[in-house]
Amino acid sequence: MGHQCKQHDLDAWVLATAARAVAYASSLLHDRSRAEDVVQDCYCRLIRKAADYDLIHDGGKLLFRAITNACINITTRQRPIVSIDGYRTRQDESRSDWEDRKAEMPEQIVLGKELAQAIGRGLAQLPVLQRAALELKSLGHSQQEIAELLEITANHAGVLVHRARQAMAEFLAPFVGEKAS
């Protein structure tokens, strides 16, 4: 009976963390299919060692740390695939899946797609740790949580987020018509 309850808790933990984990890995790898594979592999490794960890309480940190490390390993071994003109076509197409396109004017759709492409290109140019820190921040993690997940100091996490934001502001300045500060 206790094992079933524990399995139920573990299943609930996976269901509660899966969407964020895949979104995070996708943002680092720019390939949802690969991200799903990485996340599944990380879950499998953690679940195999479930007896050694308290996954219900500490599993999120362990999972995101494992995803970060796996994505860094992948991105440092292999360059991402891009189309001839440098745009990430599969990623760009999937970015607008959640939006209701019927309510938008054609000009808004084009501008939104251009902005999404520019953001994707800007993120792709960031060093992996800066991109990871920025993505974790956008998922609502605190500076301390980012530090723990990336196995760095809290100050270093703050510096990474700051530099990533600054680089993105500079990269997007021509598109949004603002000067980067």
N, C-alpha and C. Protein backbone atom coordinates (compact mmCIF):
# COMPACT_ATOMS: atom_id res chain seq x y z
N MET A 1 0.82 -1.19 0.00
CA MET A 1 0.00 0.00 0.00
C MET A 1 0.86 1.26 0.00
N GLY A 2 1.92 1.29 0.82
CA GLY A 2 2.80 2.45 0.87
C GLY A 2 3.49 2.69 -0.45
N HIS A 3 3.87 1.61 -1.15
CA HIS A 3 4.54 1.75 -2.44
C HIS A 3 3.61 2.38 -3.47
N GLN A 4 2.31 1.98 -3.45
CA GLN A 4 1.36 2.55 -4.39
C GLN A 4 1.17 4.04 -4.14
N CYS A 5 1.11 4.42 -2.88
CA CYS A 5 0.96 5.83 -2.55
C CYS A 5 2.19 6.60 -3.01
N LYS A 6 3.36 6.01 -2.77
CA LYS A 6 4.59 6.66 -3.19
C LYS A 6 4.62 6.78 -4.71
N GLN A 7 4.20 5.73 -5.42
CA GLN A 7 4.15 5.76 -6.88
C GLN A 7 3.15 6.82 -7.36
N HIS A 8 2.02 6.92 -6.66
CA HIS A 8 1.03 7.93 -7.02
C HIS A 8 1.63 9.33 -6.85
N ASP A 9 2.34 9.56 -5.74
CA ASP A 9 2.99 10.86 -5.52
C ASP A 9 4.02 11.15 -6.60
N LEU A 10 4.77 10.14 -6.97
CA LEU A 10 5.79 10.29 -8.00
C LEU A 10 5.15 10.61 -9.35
N ASP A 11 4.06 9.91 -9.66
CA ASP A 11 3.33 10.20 -10.90
C ASP A 11 2.81 11.64 -10.91
N ALA A 12 2.28 12.07 -9.77
CA ALA A 12 1.76 13.44 -9.67
C ALA A 12 2.89 14.45 -9.84
N TRP A 13 4.06 14.15 -9.26
CA TRP A 13 5.21 15.04 -9.39
C TRP A 13 5.63 15.17 -10.86
N VAL A 14 5.69 14.06 -11.56
CA VAL A 14 6.07 14.09 -12.98
C VAL A 14 5.06 14.91 -13.77
N LEU A 15 3.79 14.67 -13.54
CA LEU A 15 2.75 15.42 -14.26
C LEU A 15 2.82 16.91 -13.95
N ALA A 16 3.15 17.26 -12.71
CA ALA A 16 3.21 18.67 -12.31
C ALA A 16 4.43 19.38 -12.88
N THR A 17 5.50 18.66 -13.14
CA THR A 17 6.75 19.31 -13.59
C THR A 17 7.05 19.14 -15.07
N ALA A 18 6.37 18.23 -15.74
CA ALA A 18 6.73 17.87 -17.12
C ALA A 18 6.64 19.04 -18.11
N ALA A 19 5.57 19.79 -18.07
CA ALA A 19 5.39 20.87 -19.06
C ALA A 19 6.49 21.92 -18.92
N ARG A 20 6.78 22.33 -17.69
CA ARG A 20 7.83 23.33 -17.47
C ARG A 20 9.20 22.76 -17.87
N ALA A 21 9.42 21.49 -17.57
CA ALA A 21 10.71 20.88 -17.89
C ALA A 21 10.93 20.83 -19.40
N VAL A 22 9.91 20.45 -20.14
CA VAL A 22 10.03 20.38 -21.60
C VAL A 22 10.18 21.79 -22.18
N ALA A 23 9.44 22.75 -21.65
CA ALA A 23 9.56 24.13 -22.14
C ALA A 23 10.97 24.66 -21.90
N TYR A 24 11.51 24.37 -20.75
CA TYR A 24 12.87 24.82 -20.41
C TYR A 24 13.89 24.17 -21.35
N ALA A 25 13.82 22.86 -21.51
CA ALA A 25 14.76 22.17 -22.39
C ALA A 25 14.59 22.64 -23.83
N SER A 26 13.37 22.88 -24.26
CA SER A 26 13.12 23.38 -25.62
C SER A 26 13.76 24.73 -25.83
N SER A 27 13.69 25.57 -24.82
CA SER A 27 14.29 26.90 -24.95
C SER A 27 15.81 26.84 -25.05
N LEU A 28 16.39 25.84 -24.43
CA LEU A 28 17.85 25.70 -24.49
C LEU A 28 18.31 25.02 -25.78
N LEU A 29 17.53 24.06 -26.25
CA LEU A 29 17.94 23.28 -27.42
C LEU A 29 17.34 23.78 -28.73
N HIS A 30 16.26 24.55 -28.65
CA HIS A 30 15.56 25.04 -29.85
C HIS A 30 15.05 23.89 -30.72
N ASP A 31 14.71 22.79 -30.09
CA ASP A 31 14.19 21.62 -30.79
C ASP A 31 13.33 20.84 -29.80
N ARG A 32 12.02 20.94 -29.96
CA ARG A 32 11.10 20.33 -28.99
C ARG A 32 11.27 18.81 -28.93
N SER A 33 11.45 18.18 -30.04
CA SER A 33 11.60 16.72 -30.05
C SER A 33 12.83 16.29 -29.25
N ARG A 34 13.94 16.96 -29.48
CA ARG A 34 15.15 16.65 -28.72
C ARG A 34 14.96 16.98 -27.25
N ALA A 35 14.27 18.07 -26.98
CA ALA A 35 14.02 18.47 -25.59
C ALA A 35 13.20 17.41 -24.86
N GLU A 36 12.18 16.89 -25.53
CA GLU A 36 11.38 15.84 -24.92
C GLU A 36 12.22 14.62 -24.60
N ASP A 37 13.13 14.27 -25.51
CA ASP A 37 14.03 13.13 -25.26
C ASP A 37 14.94 13.39 -24.06
N VAL A 38 15.48 14.60 -23.97
CA VAL A 38 16.36 14.95 -22.85
C VAL A 38 15.59 14.88 -21.54
N VAL A 39 14.41 15.45 -21.52
CA VAL A 39 13.60 15.47 -20.30
C VAL A 39 13.24 14.04 -19.89
N GLN A 40 12.85 13.23 -20.85
CA GLN A 40 12.50 11.85 -20.53
C GLN A 40 13.71 11.11 -19.94
N ASP A 41 14.86 11.32 -20.54
CA ASP A 41 16.08 10.69 -20.03
C ASP A 41 16.39 11.15 -18.61
N CYS A 42 16.23 12.44 -18.36
CA CYS A 42 16.49 12.97 -17.01
C CYS A 42 15.50 12.40 -15.99
N TYR A 43 14.22 12.33 -16.38
CA TYR A 43 13.23 11.72 -15.49
C TYR A 43 13.61 10.27 -15.19
N CYS A 44 13.98 9.52 -16.23
CA CYS A 44 14.33 8.10 -16.03
C CYS A 44 15.48 7.95 -15.06
N ARG A 45 16.51 8.78 -15.22
CA ARG A 45 17.66 8.71 -14.31
C ARG A 45 17.26 9.05 -12.88
N LEU A 46 16.45 10.08 -12.72
CA LEU A 46 16.03 10.47 -11.38
C LEU A 46 15.13 9.41 -10.74
N ILE A 47 14.21 8.88 -11.50
CA ILE A 47 13.28 7.89 -10.96
C ILE A 47 14.01 6.60 -10.58
N ARG A 48 15.05 6.24 -11.37
CA ARG A 48 15.84 5.05 -11.01
C ARG A 48 16.51 5.23 -9.65
N LYS A 49 16.80 6.47 -9.29
CA LYS A 49 17.45 6.76 -8.02
C LYS A 49 16.48 7.38 -7.01
N ALA A 50 15.21 7.13 -7.20
CA ALA A 50 14.18 7.72 -6.33
C ALA A 50 14.41 7.36 -4.86
N ALA A 51 14.97 6.21 -4.59
CA ALA A 51 15.22 5.80 -3.21
C ALA A 51 16.30 6.66 -2.55
N ASP A 52 17.17 7.26 -3.37
CA ASP A 52 18.26 8.10 -2.84
C ASP A 52 17.85 9.56 -2.64
N TYR A 53 16.75 9.98 -3.26
CA TYR A 53 16.34 11.39 -3.22
C TYR A 53 14.91 11.52 -2.74
N ASP A 54 14.58 12.70 -2.27
CA ASP A 54 13.20 13.05 -1.97
C ASP A 54 12.69 13.84 -3.17
N LEU A 55 12.25 13.12 -4.19
CA LEU A 55 11.87 13.76 -5.45
C LEU A 55 10.67 14.69 -5.30
N ILE A 56 9.78 14.37 -4.39
CA ILE A 56 8.60 15.21 -4.22
C ILE A 56 9.00 16.61 -3.76
N HIS A 57 10.01 16.71 -2.89
CA HIS A 57 10.42 18.02 -2.37
C HIS A 57 11.62 18.61 -3.11
N ASP A 58 12.58 17.80 -3.48
CA ASP A 58 13.82 18.29 -4.10
C ASP A 58 13.94 17.93 -5.58
N GLY A 59 12.99 17.20 -6.09
CA GLY A 59 13.07 16.71 -7.46
C GLY A 59 13.11 17.79 -8.52
N GLY A 60 12.41 18.90 -8.29
CA GLY A 60 12.41 19.99 -9.27
C GLY A 60 13.80 20.55 -9.48
N LYS A 61 14.50 20.80 -8.39
CA LYS A 61 15.87 21.31 -8.49
C LYS A 61 16.76 20.30 -9.19
N LEU A 62 16.64 19.04 -8.80
CA LEU A 62 17.47 18.00 -9.41
C LEU A 62 17.15 17.85 -10.89
N LEU A 63 15.87 17.89 -11.22
CA LEU A 63 15.44 17.75 -12.61
C LEU A 63 15.98 18.89 -13.47
N PHE A 64 15.80 20.13 -13.02
CA PHE A 64 16.25 21.26 -13.82
C PHE A 64 17.77 21.31 -13.91
N ARG A 65 18.47 20.89 -12.88
CA ARG A 65 19.92 20.81 -12.93
C ARG A 65 20.35 19.76 -13.95
N ALA A 66 19.68 18.61 -13.93
CA ALA A 66 20.01 17.55 -14.89
C ALA A 66 19.72 17.99 -16.32
N ILE A 67 18.60 18.67 -16.53
CA ILE A 67 18.25 19.17 -17.86
C ILE A 67 19.28 20.19 -18.33
N THR A 68 19.64 21.11 -17.45
CA THR A 68 20.64 22.11 -17.80
C THR A 68 21.94 21.46 -18.23
N ASN A 69 22.42 20.53 -17.43
CA ASN A 69 23.68 19.85 -17.75
C ASN A 69 23.59 19.06 -19.05
N ALA A 70 22.48 18.36 -19.25
CA ALA A 70 22.31 17.59 -20.47
C ALA A 70 22.27 18.50 -21.70
N CYS A 71 21.57 19.63 -21.58
CA CYS A 71 21.48 20.56 -22.71
C CYS A 71 22.83 21.22 -22.99
N ILE A 72 23.57 21.55 -21.95
CA ILE A 72 24.90 22.11 -22.16
C ILE A 72 25.79 21.09 -22.86
N ASN A 73 25.71 19.83 -22.43
CA ASN A 73 26.49 18.78 -23.09
C ASN A 73 26.13 18.66 -24.57
N ILE A 74 24.85 18.70 -24.86
CA ILE A 74 24.40 18.56 -26.26
C ILE A 74 24.83 19.77 -27.08
N THR A 75 24.62 20.97 -26.56
CA THR A 75 24.91 22.17 -27.36
C THR A 75 26.40 22.40 -27.54
N THR A 76 27.22 21.92 -26.63
CA THR A 76 28.66 22.10 -26.82
C THR A 76 29.24 21.04 -27.74
N ARG A 77 28.54 19.92 -27.91
CA ARG A 77 29.01 18.87 -28.81
C ARG A 77 28.55 19.08 -30.24
N GLN A 78 27.41 19.70 -30.43
CA GLN A 78 26.82 19.77 -31.77
C GLN A 78 26.16 21.12 -31.98
N ARG A 79 26.43 21.73 -33.12
CA ARG A 79 25.81 23.01 -33.45
C ARG A 79 24.34 22.78 -33.81
N PRO A 80 23.46 23.72 -33.46
CA PRO A 80 22.05 23.56 -33.80
C PRO A 80 21.82 23.65 -35.31
N ILE A 81 20.77 23.00 -35.76
CA ILE A 81 20.42 23.02 -37.18
C ILE A 81 19.59 24.27 -37.45
N VAL A 82 19.99 25.04 -38.45
CA VAL A 82 19.23 26.22 -38.85
C VAL A 82 19.01 26.17 -40.34
N SER A 83 18.03 26.89 -40.79
CA SER A 83 17.78 26.93 -42.21
C SER A 83 18.83 27.81 -42.89
N ILE A 84 18.81 27.87 -44.19
CA ILE A 84 19.82 28.60 -44.95
C ILE A 84 19.89 30.06 -44.55
N ASP A 85 18.74 30.69 -44.31
CA ASP A 85 18.75 32.11 -43.96
C ASP A 85 18.98 32.36 -42.47
N GLY A 86 19.21 31.31 -41.69
CA GLY A 86 19.53 31.48 -40.28
C GLY A 86 18.34 31.49 -39.35
N TYR A 87 17.13 31.33 -39.87
CA TYR A 87 15.95 31.31 -39.02
C TYR A 87 15.65 29.89 -38.61
N ARG A 88 15.15 29.72 -37.42
CA ARG A 88 14.78 28.40 -36.91
C ARG A 88 13.32 28.15 -37.30
N THR A 89 13.12 27.50 -38.40
CA THR A 89 11.77 27.40 -38.94
C THR A 89 10.83 26.58 -38.06
N ARG A 90 11.23 25.41 -37.58
CA ARG A 90 10.33 24.60 -36.77
C ARG A 90 9.97 25.32 -35.48
N GLN A 91 10.93 25.94 -34.86
CA GLN A 91 10.69 26.65 -33.61
C GLN A 91 9.74 27.82 -33.85
N ASP A 92 9.96 28.57 -34.90
CA ASP A 92 9.14 29.74 -35.18
C ASP A 92 7.70 29.34 -35.44
N GLU A 93 7.50 28.24 -36.16
CA GLU A 93 6.14 27.80 -36.46
C GLU A 93 5.41 27.40 -35.20
N SER A 94 6.10 26.76 -34.25
CA SER A 94 5.43 26.29 -33.04
C SER A 94 5.21 27.39 -32.02
N ARG A 95 5.89 28.52 -32.14
CA ARG A 95 5.76 29.59 -31.14
C ARG A 95 4.35 30.17 -31.12
N SER A 96 3.64 30.19 -32.24
CA SER A 96 2.34 30.84 -32.29
C SER A 96 1.19 29.87 -32.05
N ASP A 97 1.48 28.64 -31.66
CA ASP A 97 0.43 27.65 -31.46
C ASP A 97 -0.58 28.06 -30.40
N TRP A 98 -0.16 28.77 -29.38
CA TRP A 98 -1.05 29.10 -28.27
C TRP A 98 -1.85 30.37 -28.51
N GLU A 99 -1.56 31.10 -29.55
CA GLU A 99 -2.23 32.36 -29.79
C GLU A 99 -3.48 32.18 -30.64
N ASP A 100 -4.47 32.99 -30.40
CA ASP A 100 -5.68 32.98 -31.21
C ASP A 100 -5.44 33.92 -32.38
N ARG A 101 -5.15 33.35 -33.53
CA ARG A 101 -4.80 34.15 -34.71
C ARG A 101 -6.02 34.83 -35.34
N LYS A 102 -7.22 34.39 -35.04
CA LYS A 102 -8.41 34.98 -35.65
C LYS A 102 -8.61 36.43 -35.21
N ALA A 103 -8.18 36.76 -34.01
CA ALA A 103 -8.41 38.09 -33.45
C ALA A 103 -7.38 39.11 -33.92
N GLU A 104 -6.36 38.69 -34.63
CA GLU A 104 -5.29 39.60 -35.02
C GLU A 104 -5.41 40.03 -36.48
N MET A 105 -4.95 41.24 -36.71
CA MET A 105 -4.87 41.75 -38.06
C MET A 105 -3.66 41.14 -38.75
N PRO A 106 -3.67 41.04 -40.06
CA PRO A 106 -2.52 40.44 -40.77
C PRO A 106 -1.18 41.12 -40.43
N GLU A 107 -1.21 42.46 -40.28
CA GLU A 107 0.03 43.16 -39.95
C GLU A 107 0.55 42.74 -38.57
N GLN A 108 -0.37 42.54 -37.63
CA GLN A 108 0.01 42.12 -36.29
C GLN A 108 0.59 40.71 -36.30
N ILE A 109 0.04 39.86 -37.12
CA ILE A 109 0.54 38.49 -37.23
C ILE A 109 1.96 38.50 -37.75
N VAL A 110 2.20 39.29 -38.81
CA VAL A 110 3.54 39.37 -39.40
C VAL A 110 4.52 39.97 -38.40
N LEU A 111 4.14 41.06 -37.75
CA LEU A 111 5.03 41.68 -36.77
C LEU A 111 5.31 40.76 -35.60
N GLY A 112 4.29 40.04 -35.15
CA GLY A 112 4.48 39.10 -34.05
C GLY A 112 5.42 37.98 -34.43
N LYS A 113 5.28 37.49 -35.65
CA LYS A 113 6.16 36.41 -36.12
C LYS A 113 7.60 36.93 -36.27
N GLU A 114 7.74 38.15 -36.79
CA GLU A 114 9.08 38.74 -36.92
C GLU A 114 9.73 38.92 -35.55
N LEU A 115 8.94 39.38 -34.58
CA LEU A 115 9.48 39.56 -33.23
C LEU A 115 9.87 38.22 -32.62
N ALA A 116 9.02 37.21 -32.80
CA ALA A 116 9.34 35.87 -32.28
C ALA A 116 10.62 35.34 -32.92
N GLN A 117 10.78 35.56 -34.22
CA GLN A 117 12.00 35.12 -34.89
C GLN A 117 13.21 35.88 -34.36
N ALA A 118 13.06 37.18 -34.15
CA ALA A 118 14.17 37.98 -33.63
C ALA A 118 14.54 37.55 -32.22
N ILE A 119 13.55 37.27 -31.41
CA ILE A 119 13.83 36.79 -30.04
C ILE A 119 14.54 35.45 -30.10
N GLY A 120 14.08 34.57 -30.96
CA GLY A 120 14.73 33.26 -31.13
C GLY A 120 16.18 33.40 -31.56
N ARG A 121 16.43 34.29 -32.51
CA ARG A 121 17.81 34.50 -32.97
C ARG A 121 18.66 35.11 -31.86
N GLY A 122 18.09 36.04 -31.12
CA GLY A 122 18.81 36.67 -30.02
C GLY A 122 19.16 35.66 -28.93
N LEU A 123 18.19 34.84 -28.55
CA LEU A 123 18.44 33.81 -27.54
C LEU A 123 19.50 32.82 -28.02
N ALA A 124 19.45 32.47 -29.30
CA ALA A 124 20.41 31.51 -29.84
C ALA A 124 21.84 32.05 -29.79
N GLN A 125 22.00 33.36 -29.80
CA GLN A 125 23.33 33.95 -29.76
C GLN A 125 23.90 34.05 -28.35
N LEU A 126 23.05 33.89 -27.35
CA LEU A 126 23.54 33.97 -25.97
C LEU A 126 24.36 32.73 -25.63
N PRO A 127 25.37 32.90 -24.78
CA PRO A 127 26.06 31.72 -24.25
C PRO A 127 25.05 30.84 -23.50
N VAL A 128 25.28 29.56 -23.48
CA VAL A 128 24.31 28.61 -22.93
C VAL A 128 23.93 28.94 -21.48
N LEU A 129 24.89 29.27 -20.64
CA LEU A 129 24.57 29.57 -19.24
C LEU A 129 23.72 30.84 -19.12
N GLN A 130 24.00 31.85 -19.94
CA GLN A 130 23.16 33.06 -19.90
C GLN A 130 21.75 32.74 -20.36
N ARG A 131 21.64 31.96 -21.43
CA ARG A 131 20.32 31.58 -21.94
C ARG A 131 19.58 30.75 -20.89
N ALA A 132 20.27 29.83 -20.24
CA ALA A 132 19.64 29.01 -19.20
C ALA A 132 19.16 29.88 -18.04
N ALA A 133 19.99 30.80 -17.60
CA ALA A 133 19.62 31.68 -16.48
C ALA A 133 18.41 32.54 -16.85
N LEU A 134 18.40 33.08 -18.06
CA LEU A 134 17.29 33.91 -18.50
C LEU A 134 16.00 33.09 -18.63
N GLU A 135 16.11 31.90 -19.18
CA GLU A 135 14.92 31.04 -19.32
C GLU A 135 14.39 30.64 -17.94
N LEU A 136 15.27 30.30 -17.01
CA LEU A 136 14.82 29.95 -15.67
C LEU A 136 14.13 31.15 -15.00
N LYS A 137 14.68 32.34 -15.20
CA LYS A 137 14.06 33.55 -14.65
C LYS A 137 12.68 33.76 -15.25
N SER A 138 12.56 33.53 -16.56
CA SER A 138 11.26 33.71 -17.22
C SER A 138 10.24 32.67 -16.75
N LEU A 139 10.73 31.53 -16.24
CA LEU A 139 9.83 30.51 -15.70
C LEU A 139 9.45 30.81 -14.25
N GLY A 140 9.97 31.92 -13.71
CA GLY A 140 9.58 32.35 -12.38
C GLY A 140 10.52 31.94 -11.26
N HIS A 141 11.68 31.41 -11.59
CA HIS A 141 12.63 31.01 -10.55
C HIS A 141 13.33 32.24 -9.97
N SER A 142 13.61 32.17 -8.67
CA SER A 142 14.33 33.26 -8.00
C SER A 142 15.81 33.16 -8.35
N GLN A 143 16.54 34.21 -8.04
CA GLN A 143 17.98 34.22 -8.30
C GLN A 143 18.67 33.09 -7.54
N GLN A 144 18.25 32.83 -6.31
CA GLN A 144 18.83 31.74 -5.52
C GLN A 144 18.52 30.39 -6.15
N GLU A 145 17.29 30.19 -6.62
CA GLU A 145 16.93 28.93 -7.27
C GLU A 145 17.73 28.73 -8.56
N ILE A 146 17.90 29.80 -9.32
CA ILE A 146 18.70 29.72 -10.54
C ILE A 146 20.12 29.31 -10.19
N ALA A 147 20.66 29.90 -9.15
CA ALA A 147 22.02 29.56 -8.71
C ALA A 147 22.13 28.08 -8.35
N GLU A 148 21.14 27.59 -7.61
CA GLU A 148 21.16 26.18 -7.22
C GLU A 148 21.03 25.26 -8.44
N LEU A 149 20.15 25.61 -9.34
CA LEU A 149 19.93 24.77 -10.52
C LEU A 149 21.15 24.73 -11.44
N LEU A 150 21.84 25.85 -11.55
CA LEU A 150 23.00 25.93 -12.44
C LEU A 150 24.31 25.65 -11.70
N GLU A 151 24.19 25.40 -10.40
CA GLU A 151 25.35 25.11 -9.55
C GLU A 151 26.40 26.23 -9.60
N ILE A 152 25.90 27.45 -9.38
CA ILE A 152 26.75 28.64 -9.35
C ILE A 152 26.33 29.47 -8.14
N THR A 153 27.04 30.55 -7.87
CA THR A 153 26.65 31.43 -6.76
C THR A 153 25.44 32.27 -7.16
N ALA A 154 24.75 32.77 -6.17
CA ALA A 154 23.58 33.63 -6.43
C ALA A 154 24.01 34.90 -7.16
N ASN A 155 25.16 35.46 -6.79
CA ASN A 155 25.64 36.65 -7.48
C ASN A 155 25.92 36.36 -8.95
N HIS A 156 26.53 35.22 -9.22
CA HIS A 156 26.82 34.85 -10.61
C HIS A 156 25.52 34.67 -11.39
N ALA A 157 24.51 34.08 -10.75
CA ALA A 157 23.20 33.92 -11.40
C ALA A 157 22.63 35.29 -11.76
N GLY A 158 22.74 36.24 -10.84
CA GLY A 158 22.25 37.59 -11.11
C GLY A 158 22.99 38.24 -12.27
N VAL A 159 24.30 38.04 -12.31
CA VAL A 159 25.11 38.59 -13.40
C VAL A 159 24.71 37.96 -14.73
N LEU A 160 24.49 36.64 -14.74
CA LEU A 160 24.09 35.97 -15.98
C LEU A 160 22.76 36.50 -16.49
N VAL A 161 21.79 36.65 -15.61
CA VAL A 161 20.47 37.16 -16.01
C VAL A 161 20.61 38.60 -16.51
N HIS A 162 21.36 39.41 -15.79
CA HIS A 162 21.56 40.81 -16.20
C HIS A 162 22.21 40.90 -17.57
N ARG A 163 23.29 40.15 -17.77
CA ARG A 163 23.98 40.18 -19.07
C ARG A 163 23.10 39.65 -20.19
N ALA A 164 22.33 38.62 -19.91
CA ALA A 164 21.44 38.07 -20.93
C ALA A 164 20.37 39.10 -21.31
N ARG A 165 19.79 39.74 -20.31
CA ARG A 165 18.78 40.78 -20.59
C ARG A 165 19.38 41.93 -21.38
N GLN A 166 20.58 42.33 -20.98
CA GLN A 166 21.26 43.44 -21.67
C GLN A 166 21.55 43.06 -23.12
N ALA A 167 22.05 41.86 -23.35
CA ALA A 167 22.34 41.42 -24.71
C ALA A 167 21.07 41.33 -25.54
N MET A 168 19.99 40.84 -24.94
CA MET A 168 18.73 40.76 -25.67
C MET A 168 18.19 42.15 -25.99
N ALA A 169 18.32 43.08 -25.07
CA ALA A 169 17.87 44.45 -25.31
C ALA A 169 18.65 45.06 -26.47
N GLU A 170 19.94 44.86 -26.50
CA GLU A 170 20.77 45.38 -27.59
C GLU A 170 20.41 44.71 -28.91
N PHE A 171 20.20 43.40 -28.87
CA PHE A 171 19.88 42.67 -30.09
C PHE A 171 18.51 43.09 -30.64
N LEU A 172 17.55 43.31 -29.76
CA LEU A 172 16.19 43.62 -30.18
C LEU A 172 15.94 45.12 -30.38
N ALA A 173 16.89 45.97 -29.99
CA ALA A 173 16.70 47.42 -30.11
C ALA A 173 16.33 47.87 -31.51
N PRO A 174 17.00 47.39 -32.56
CA PRO A 174 16.61 47.83 -33.90
C PRO A 174 15.18 47.40 -34.28
N PHE A 175 14.76 46.29 -33.76
CA PHE A 175 13.43 45.77 -34.10
C PHE A 175 12.34 46.55 -33.39
N VAL A 176 12.55 46.86 -32.12
CA VAL A 176 11.52 47.55 -31.36
C VAL A 176 11.66 49.06 -31.37
N GLY A 177 12.73 49.55 -32.00
CA GLY A 177 12.91 50.98 -32.17
C GLY A 177 13.34 51.72 -30.92
N GLU A 178 14.03 51.01 -30.02
CA GLU A 178 14.51 51.65 -28.80
C GLU A 178 16.02 51.55 -28.75
N LYS A 179 16.59 52.47 -28.01
CA LYS A 179 18.04 52.40 -27.79
C LYS A 179 18.30 51.50 -26.60
N ALA A 180 19.31 50.64 -26.74
CA ALA A 180 19.70 49.79 -25.62
C ALA A 180 20.44 50.63 -24.61
N SER A 181 20.11 50.43 -23.35
CA SER A 181 20.79 51.22 -22.31
C SER A 181 21.89 50.44 -21.65
